[in-house]
Protein backbone atom coordinates (compact mmCIF):
# COMPACT_ATOMS: atom_id res chain seq x y z
CA MET A 1 10.22 0.37 3.59
CA GLU A 2 12.97 -0.60 6.05
CA ASN A 3 14.68 2.74 5.56
CA THR A 4 11.45 4.84 6.06
CA PRO A 5 12.06 7.32 8.87
CA ARG A 6 9.94 6.77 11.96
CA GLY A 7 8.43 10.23 11.49
CA ASN A 8 7.05 9.19 8.10
CA ARG A 9 5.33 6.08 9.42
CA LEU A 10 1.73 5.68 10.45
CA HIS A 11 1.77 5.41 14.28
CA ILE A 12 -0.70 2.83 15.49
CA ALA A 13 -1.26 2.62 19.28
CA ILE A 14 -2.73 -0.63 20.68
CA PHE A 15 -4.77 -0.33 23.83
CA GLY A 16 -6.67 -2.95 25.86
CA ARG A 17 -6.98 -4.56 29.20
CA ARG A 18 -4.35 -7.06 30.38
CA ASN A 19 -4.55 -10.37 28.44
CA ALA A 20 -6.93 -9.00 25.82
CA GLY A 21 -4.53 -10.26 23.16
CA LYS A 22 -2.74 -7.09 22.14
CA SER A 23 0.66 -8.78 21.55
CA SER A 24 -0.94 -11.68 19.77
CA LEU A 25 -2.71 -9.14 17.50
CA ILE A 26 0.60 -7.46 16.60
CA ASN A 27 2.09 -10.85 15.60
CA ALA A 28 -1.02 -11.64 13.49
CA LEU A 29 -0.93 -8.23 11.73
CA THR A 30 2.76 -8.59 10.82
CA ASN A 31 2.70 -12.36 10.31
CA GLN A 32 5.79 -12.48 12.57
CA ASP A 33 6.59 -13.37 16.20
CA ILE A 34 7.54 -9.83 17.09
CA ALA A 35 5.71 -9.29 20.42
CA VAL A 36 6.06 -11.46 23.47
CA VAL A 37 2.88 -13.48 24.01
CA SER A 38 1.98 -14.83 27.45
CA ASN A 39 -1.12 -15.93 29.30
CA ILE A 40 0.19 -14.03 32.37
CA PRO A 41 -1.59 -10.69 32.51
CA GLY A 42 0.71 -7.62 32.48
CA THR A 43 3.49 -9.06 30.32
CA THR A 44 3.82 -5.72 28.51
CA THR A 45 4.76 -3.02 31.07
CA ASP A 46 5.96 0.26 29.49
CA PRO A 47 4.98 1.33 25.95
CA VAL A 48 7.13 -0.36 23.37
CA TYR A 49 7.68 1.21 19.88
CA LYS A 50 8.20 -1.21 16.99
CA ALA A 51 8.93 0.10 13.48
CA MET A 52 7.69 -2.50 11.03
CA GLU A 53 5.76 -3.09 7.80
CA ILE A 54 2.18 -4.26 7.52
CA LEU A 55 1.42 -5.28 3.98
CA PRO A 56 -0.11 -3.72 2.09
CA VAL A 57 -0.63 -0.79 4.50
CA GLY A 58 3.10 0.06 4.35
CA PRO A 59 5.65 1.25 6.98
CA VAL A 60 4.15 1.80 10.43
CA VAL A 61 5.18 2.20 14.04
CA ILE A 62 3.24 -0.12 16.33
CA ILE A 63 3.00 1.15 19.95
CA ASP A 64 2.29 -1.79 22.29
CA THR A 65 0.98 -0.45 25.64
CA ALA A 66 0.50 -1.85 29.09
CA GLY A 67 -2.99 -3.06 30.18
CA ILE A 68 -5.33 -0.15 30.81
CA ASP A 69 -6.71 -2.04 33.85
CA ASP A 70 -3.31 -2.34 35.54
CA SER A 71 -3.57 -1.80 39.33
CA GLY A 72 -1.45 -0.68 42.24
CA ASP A 73 0.90 2.25 42.44
CA LEU A 74 3.22 0.84 39.77
CA GLY A 75 0.25 -0.16 37.63
CA GLU A 76 -1.20 3.32 37.77
CA LEU A 77 2.15 4.73 36.57
CA ARG A 78 2.18 2.23 33.66
CA VAL A 79 -1.37 3.30 32.72
CA LYS A 80 -0.36 6.94 32.79
CA ARG A 81 2.57 6.23 30.48
CA SER A 82 0.31 4.35 28.18
CA LEU A 83 -2.14 7.28 28.06
CA ASP A 84 0.71 9.64 27.17
CA VAL A 85 1.02 7.55 23.91
CA LEU A 86 -2.26 9.18 22.70
CA ASN A 87 -0.25 12.34 22.05
CA LYS A 88 1.93 10.48 19.55
CA ALA A 89 -0.55 8.14 17.84
CA ASP A 90 -2.23 8.63 14.47
CA LEU A 91 -4.65 5.74 15.01
CA VAL A 92 -5.75 3.62 17.94
CA LEU A 93 -6.70 -0.04 17.95
CA LEU A 94 -8.81 -0.70 21.03
CA VAL A 95 -8.56 -4.48 21.71
CA ILE A 96 -11.34 -6.23 23.68
CA ASP A 97 -11.55 -9.84 24.76
CA ALA A 98 -14.85 -10.94 23.20
CA MET A 99 -15.64 -13.05 26.26
CA SER A 100 -15.25 -10.11 28.66
CA GLY A 101 -17.04 -7.49 26.50
CA VAL A 102 -16.88 -3.72 26.94
CA SER A 103 -16.00 -2.23 30.34
CA GLN A 104 -15.42 1.19 31.83
CA TYR A 105 -11.73 0.96 30.79
CA GLU A 106 -12.53 0.85 27.07
CA VAL A 107 -15.16 3.54 27.39
CA LYS A 108 -12.65 5.93 29.01
CA ILE A 109 -10.05 5.35 26.29
CA ALA A 110 -12.70 5.81 23.58
CA GLN A 111 -13.71 9.16 25.20
CA ARG A 112 -10.12 10.36 25.38
CA CYS A 113 -9.65 9.50 21.73
CA GLN A 114 -12.79 11.45 20.80
CA GLU A 115 -11.51 14.43 22.70
CA LYS A 116 -8.21 14.30 20.82
CA LYS A 117 -10.00 13.58 17.52
CA LEU A 118 -8.07 10.33 17.16
CA PRO A 119 -9.55 7.65 14.87
CA VAL A 120 -10.33 4.41 16.64
CA VAL A 121 -10.83 0.88 15.34
CA ILE A 122 -12.45 -1.40 17.92
CA VAL A 123 -11.10 -4.96 17.74
CA LEU A 124 -13.20 -7.73 19.34
CA ASN A 125 -10.58 -10.39 19.72
CA LYS A 126 -10.61 -14.11 20.58
CA ILE A 127 -13.71 -14.94 18.62
CA ASP A 128 -12.29 -18.46 18.25
CA ALA A 129 -13.09 -18.92 21.97
CA HIS A 130 -16.23 -16.79 22.00
CA PRO A 131 -18.14 -16.30 18.71
CA VAL A 132 -19.81 -12.91 18.99
CA THR A 133 -23.42 -12.16 18.10
CA GLU A 134 -24.70 -9.24 16.03
CA LEU A 135 -26.22 -7.85 19.18
CA GLU A 136 -22.87 -7.82 20.96
CA VAL A 137 -21.24 -6.09 17.99
CA GLU A 138 -23.93 -3.37 17.85
CA GLU A 139 -23.80 -2.78 21.57
CA ALA A 140 -20.03 -2.35 21.45
CA LYS A 141 -20.39 0.16 18.60
CA VAL A 142 -22.96 2.16 20.53
CA GLN A 143 -20.83 2.21 23.70
CA LEU A 144 -17.54 3.11 22.02
CA GLY A 145 -18.27 4.59 18.58
CA GLY A 146 -15.76 4.15 15.71
CA SER A 147 -15.50 1.20 13.38
CA LEU A 148 -15.46 -2.34 14.69
CA VAL A 149 -13.83 -5.55 13.45
CA VAL A 150 -14.11 -9.06 14.93
CA VAL A 151 -10.95 -11.14 14.78
CA SER A 152 -9.10 -14.08 16.19
CA ALA A 153 -5.42 -13.22 16.56
CA LEU A 154 -4.86 -16.92 17.21
CA THR A 155 -6.32 -18.25 13.93
CA GLY A 156 -5.97 -15.14 11.76
CA GLN A 157 -9.65 -14.83 11.17
CA GLY A 158 -10.63 -11.21 10.41
CA ILE A 159 -7.03 -9.93 10.13
CA ASP A 160 -7.50 -8.89 6.50
CA ASP A 161 -10.66 -7.02 7.49
CA LEU A 162 -8.71 -5.30 10.23
CA LYS A 163 -6.03 -4.16 7.76
CA MET A 164 -8.82 -2.73 5.56
CA ALA A 165 -10.28 -0.94 8.57
CA ILE A 166 -6.86 0.56 9.41
CA VAL A 167 -6.48 1.95 5.88
CA LYS A 168 -10.03 3.44 5.99
CA ALA A 169 -9.66 4.93 9.49
CA ALA A 170 -6.13 6.36 9.04
CA PRO A 171 -5.92 10.22 9.03
CA ALA A 172 -5.89 11.85 5.62
CA THR A 173 -2.27 12.96 5.90
CA TRP A 174 -0.75 9.55 6.72
CA ASP A 175 0.06 8.82 3.07
CA ASP A 176 1.81 12.09 2.33
CA GLN A 177 4.91 10.41 0.91
CA ALA A 178 7.25 11.23 -1.89
CA ILE A 179 6.77 10.03 -5.51
CA VAL A 180 10.42 9.95 -6.33
CA GLY A 181 12.11 12.66 -4.32
CA ASP A 182 13.23 10.25 -1.57
CA LEU A 183 15.26 8.39 -4.18
CA LEU A 184 17.13 11.52 -5.19
CA ASN A 185 19.64 13.73 -3.42
CA PRO A 186 19.62 17.53 -3.78
CA GLY A 187 21.29 18.41 -7.07
CA ASP A 188 20.61 15.05 -8.71
CA ILE A 189 19.32 14.98 -12.23
CA ALA A 190 16.26 13.01 -13.31
CA VAL A 191 15.40 12.82 -17.01
CA LEU A 192 11.69 12.45 -17.71
CA VAL A 193 10.71 10.85 -21.01
CA VAL A 194 7.28 12.09 -22.15
CA PRO A 195 6.12 10.79 -25.53
CA ILE A 196 3.85 13.16 -27.43
CA ASP A 197 1.45 10.93 -29.29
CA SER A 198 -2.24 10.98 -30.18
CA ALA A 199 -3.23 10.08 -26.63
CA ALA A 200 -1.28 12.96 -25.07
CA PRO A 201 -3.48 15.92 -24.01
CA LYS A 202 -2.94 18.84 -26.23
CA GLY A 203 -1.00 21.73 -24.69
CA ARG A 204 -0.41 19.99 -21.30
CA LEU A 205 1.13 17.02 -19.51
CA ILE A 206 -0.81 14.31 -17.77
CA LEU A 207 -1.22 14.45 -14.02
CA PRO A 208 1.44 11.83 -12.95
CA GLN A 209 4.09 13.64 -15.04
CA VAL A 210 3.23 17.00 -13.52
CA GLN A 211 3.17 15.61 -10.00
CA THR A 212 6.55 13.86 -10.49
CA ILE A 213 8.16 17.05 -11.75
CA ARG A 214 6.85 18.95 -8.71
CA ASP A 215 8.06 16.28 -6.34
CA ILE A 216 11.57 16.38 -7.87
CA LEU A 217 11.64 20.17 -7.46
CA ASP A 218 10.37 19.94 -3.90
CA HIS A 219 13.35 17.73 -3.06
CA ASN A 220 15.82 20.21 -4.63
CA ALA A 221 16.75 17.92 -7.51
CA MET A 222 16.64 18.83 -11.21
CA ALA A 223 14.20 17.57 -13.85
CA TYR A 224 14.85 17.47 -17.59
CA VAL A 225 11.81 16.65 -19.80
CA VAL A 226 12.41 15.14 -23.24
CA LYS A 227 10.63 13.07 -25.88
CA GLU A 228 11.89 9.51 -26.37
CA SER A 229 13.60 10.49 -29.58
CA GLU A 230 15.70 13.09 -27.69
CA LEU A 231 16.78 10.96 -24.70
CA LYS A 232 20.11 9.76 -26.10
CA ASP A 233 21.24 13.28 -27.08
CA CYS A 234 20.08 14.65 -23.72
CA ILE A 235 22.22 12.22 -21.74
CA ALA A 236 25.23 12.83 -24.01
CA THR A 237 25.09 16.63 -23.76
CA LEU A 238 24.55 16.92 -19.97
CA ASN A 239 27.71 17.81 -18.08
CA LYS A 240 26.50 15.83 -15.11
CA ARG A 241 25.39 12.16 -15.31
CA PRO A 242 21.62 11.75 -14.58
CA LYS A 243 20.85 9.58 -11.64
CA MET A 244 17.58 8.36 -13.05
CA VAL A 245 15.48 8.17 -16.20
CA ILE A 246 11.70 8.04 -15.71
CA THR A 247 9.61 7.16 -18.77
CA ASP A 248 6.12 6.58 -19.90
CA SER A 249 5.63 2.84 -19.81
CA GLN A 250 4.59 2.65 -23.45
CA ALA A 251 8.10 3.78 -24.45
CA PHE A 252 9.91 1.22 -22.36
CA ARG A 253 11.71 -0.63 -25.14
CA GLU A 254 13.18 2.41 -26.83
CA VAL A 255 14.06 4.15 -23.60
CA ALA A 256 15.67 1.03 -22.12
CA LYS A 257 17.87 0.76 -25.22
CA ASP A 258 19.08 4.35 -24.92
CA THR A 259 19.58 4.41 -21.12
CA PRO A 260 23.05 3.28 -19.94
CA GLU A 261 23.05 0.52 -17.36
CA ASP A 262 24.65 2.77 -14.73
CA ILE A 263 21.61 5.06 -14.77
CA LEU A 264 18.54 3.99 -12.77
CA LEU A 265 15.48 3.36 -14.98
CA THR A 266 11.83 3.22 -14.06
CA SER A 267 8.42 4.58 -15.19
CA PHE A 268 5.79 7.00 -13.92
CA SER A 269 3.40 4.08 -13.51
CA ILE A 270 5.87 2.05 -11.39
CA LEU A 271 6.58 5.04 -9.23
CA PHE A 272 2.84 5.46 -8.71
CA ALA A 273 2.55 1.75 -7.91
CA ARG A 274 4.61 2.61 -4.82
CA TYR A 275 3.17 6.10 -4.22
CA LYS A 276 -0.51 5.09 -4.49
CA GLY A 277 -0.40 1.42 -3.64
CA ASP A 278 1.92 -1.40 -2.72
CA LEU A 279 4.72 -1.99 -5.28
CA GLU A 280 5.83 -5.28 -3.73
CA THR A 281 2.34 -6.80 -4.12
CA LEU A 282 1.97 -5.51 -7.69
CA VAL A 283 5.35 -6.86 -8.74
CA ALA A 284 4.64 -10.24 -7.13
CA GLY A 285 1.42 -10.34 -9.18
CA ALA A 286 3.42 -10.16 -12.43
CA LYS A 287 4.37 -13.85 -12.09
CA ALA A 288 0.69 -14.69 -12.84
CA ILE A 289 0.96 -13.23 -16.35
CA SER A 290 3.10 -16.21 -17.51
CA LYS A 291 0.56 -18.60 -16.03
CA LEU A 292 -2.38 -17.24 -18.05
CA LYS A 293 -4.05 -19.64 -20.49
CA PRO A 294 -6.36 -18.96 -23.43
CA GLY A 295 -9.90 -18.34 -22.23
CA ASP A 296 -8.89 -17.04 -18.80
CA LYS A 297 -10.71 -13.98 -17.53
CA VAL A 298 -8.73 -10.78 -16.94
CA LEU A 299 -10.11 -7.57 -15.38
CA ILE A 300 -8.66 -4.30 -16.57
CA SER A 301 -9.60 -1.51 -14.15
CA GLU A 302 -9.14 2.25 -14.43
CA ALA A 303 -9.82 4.65 -11.64
CA CYS A 304 -10.96 7.45 -14.00
CA THR A 305 -13.16 7.86 -17.02
CA HIS A 306 -11.71 9.46 -20.11
CA HIS A 307 -12.16 9.65 -23.85
CA ARG A 308 -10.43 6.61 -25.34
CA MET A 309 -8.29 6.99 -28.48
CA GLY A 310 -8.03 4.32 -31.21
CA ASP A 311 -5.00 2.57 -29.76
CA ASP A 312 -6.00 2.98 -26.12
CA ILE A 313 -3.62 1.44 -23.55
CA GLY A 314 -6.29 -0.24 -21.45
CA THR A 315 -8.70 -1.45 -24.10
CA VAL A 316 -6.35 -2.19 -26.99
CA LYS A 317 -2.61 -2.38 -26.21
CA ILE A 318 -2.54 -4.31 -22.92
CA PRO A 319 -5.13 -6.89 -24.14
CA ARG A 320 -3.10 -7.34 -27.33
CA TRP A 321 0.19 -7.79 -25.48
CA LEU A 322 -1.27 -10.25 -22.97
CA SER A 323 -2.91 -12.28 -25.66
CA GLN A 324 0.42 -12.49 -27.48
CA ILE A 325 2.13 -13.77 -24.31
CA VAL A 326 -0.57 -16.37 -23.88
CA GLY A 327 -0.70 -17.41 -27.55
CA GLY A 328 -4.49 -17.23 -27.67
CA ASP A 329 -7.57 -15.17 -26.81
CA LEU A 330 -8.27 -14.10 -23.23
CA GLU A 331 -11.63 -12.95 -21.96
CA PHE A 332 -11.32 -9.29 -20.89
CA ASN A 333 -13.70 -7.28 -18.72
CA TRP A 334 -13.26 -3.56 -17.91
CA SER A 335 -14.26 -1.31 -15.05
CA SER A 336 -13.70 2.44 -14.72
CA GLY A 337 -14.25 5.27 -12.32
CA HIS A 338 -15.33 4.45 -8.73
CA ARG A 339 -17.06 1.25 -9.83
CA PHE A 340 -15.04 -1.79 -8.82
CA PRO A 341 -16.45 -5.33 -9.37
CA GLU A 342 -17.40 -7.48 -6.41
CA ASN A 343 -17.19 -10.86 -8.25
CA LEU A 344 -13.38 -10.82 -8.33
CA THR A 345 -12.87 -14.57 -7.77
CA GLU A 346 -13.75 -15.31 -11.40
CA TYR A 347 -10.64 -13.55 -12.66
CA LYS A 348 -7.13 -14.96 -13.09
CA LEU A 349 -5.52 -11.49 -13.08
CA VAL A 350 -6.42 -7.89 -12.35
CA VAL A 351 -4.53 -5.17 -14.22
CA HIS A 352 -5.06 -1.73 -12.65
CA CYS A 353 -4.13 1.69 -13.94
CA GLY A 354 -1.60 3.96 -12.18
CA ALA A 355 -4.34 5.28 -9.85
CA CYS A 356 -3.45 8.90 -10.35
CA MET A 357 -7.10 9.96 -9.86
CA ILE A 358 -7.69 8.21 -6.56
CA ASN A 359 -5.89 8.42 -3.21
CA ARG A 360 -3.63 5.71 -1.74
CA ARG A 361 -6.37 4.72 0.74
CA GLU A 362 -8.75 3.73 -2.07
CA MET A 363 -6.04 1.99 -4.09
CA LEU A 364 -4.92 -0.06 -1.11
CA SER A 365 -8.56 -0.98 -0.47
CA ARG A 366 -8.79 -2.28 -4.03
CA ILE A 367 -5.61 -4.26 -3.68
CA MET A 368 -6.88 -5.76 -0.47
CA GLN A 369 -10.21 -6.73 -2.09
CA VAL A 370 -8.33 -8.50 -4.88
CA GLN A 371 -6.05 -10.27 -2.44
CA GLN A 372 -8.98 -11.45 -0.33
CA ALA A 373 -10.41 -12.94 -3.52
CA GLY A 374 -7.13 -14.86 -4.03
CA VAL A 375 -6.41 -13.11 -7.30
CA PRO A 376 -3.04 -11.63 -8.36
CA ILE A 377 -2.95 -7.93 -9.32
CA VAL A 378 -0.50 -5.74 -11.31
CA ASN A 379 -0.69 -2.21 -12.48
CA TYR A 380 -0.14 -0.88 -16.04
CA GLY A 381 3.52 -0.09 -15.63
CA VAL A 382 4.44 -3.45 -13.98
CA CYS A 383 2.44 -5.30 -16.65
CA ILE A 384 4.07 -3.49 -19.58
CA ALA A 385 7.54 -3.90 -18.10
CA PHE A 386 6.94 -7.66 -17.73
CA VAL A 387 5.59 -8.20 -21.28
CA THR A 388 8.53 -6.16 -22.72
CA GLY A 389 10.94 -8.34 -20.72
CA ILE A 390 12.54 -5.52 -18.69
CA LEU A 391 10.70 -5.63 -15.34
CA ASN A 392 13.91 -6.36 -13.44
CA ARG A 393 15.64 -3.38 -15.09
CA THR A 394 12.80 -0.98 -14.27
CA LEU A 395 13.00 -1.88 -10.62
CA SER A 396 16.60 -0.71 -10.35
CA PRO A 397 15.61 2.20 -8.00
CA PHE A 398 14.15 -0.45 -5.64
CA PRO A 399 16.86 -3.07 -4.98
CA SER A 400 14.90 -4.94 -2.27
CA ILE A 401 11.95 -5.49 -4.64
CA GLN A 402 14.36 -6.31 -7.45
CA GLU A 403 15.85 -8.99 -5.24
CA MET A 404 12.39 -10.30 -4.36
CA LEU A 405 11.63 -10.65 -8.09
CA VAL A 406 14.87 -12.55 -8.75
CA ASN A 407 14.19 -14.95 -5.80
CA GLN A 408 10.66 -15.35 -7.07
CA ASN A 409 11.90 -16.45 -10.49
CA SER A 410 14.67 -18.68 -9.22
């Protein structure tokens, strides 16, 4: 995330009157003291660009602007510079002091955003000092349009809801990121291990495999596709050392054994944990697997519906592996398609599929729902890597997350 180019980050511009709490909101969103907070109106003068990460939204650029009610000749110049930010933003957070309510300043900004077809999230801030009524919320929606979230940047109330609103309001192209191509240089070789078993679709590859191949080609690298039984010979016969081996998670043990330590190893599902969701959160959730006890409830969720084979990964293999880790029976529930349970608090763990059939926006929304319920979440690839004892190895393409896992276990 730290190395993500600014051009590939979601640009979020924060507008509001002086002392509406814009800087405090930035600190609450990032859980860091990044922006200078002061009770003196006009602390922020010119637009300030801050590249950062908002979990689980991902890498963003926050653009902190001067108060839209700034006055005087210098104030008008600051407002003009702030308005120029609308040409660079992907999304606008319009912050309003709940005590003051909506004014002509917010209405003008909302109108400009509508003209530019910029998505807007209205943020009624400081509800710790002034609890808002339903009538006030509805009036603000009518006056400004867009989605609305009530928060207290001071106490953190509503910040998770704001993150959810950001994900939902972001433009459709904001999550156009690489699956694996950003980890490869032009001319690099990636070997893809694709087991052909009873669950493999006859005559074709599954969607994540196809998308990964295309992404490798788009980044001018080379892809070799083999079965797990051919991996060792493939590596030995290539004139150039592969940079990475990408495998189906179910072949982890055999592939790990045949992949030299100097070659990066991961799986399609782990790549999709990053591409479609938040890899850091999903890896952090793996720690909960070792804490499961017999009788605990586990939700296994798939984003698609498909014909299940006899030894299905979601209904047979993962339940069997988890029960073996626990040393007793667990209570499993399943969900599939667009149906996602609301009663998440009763689960000790959520295991989600690779999410190849939904977009990143929906997967992030699911991750957020699970987090708000206080439940850890992993995906299939992370779960399988953990139960086979090679999770750290399969994170070799992601050293910062590998380090987080080591620190977590120390």
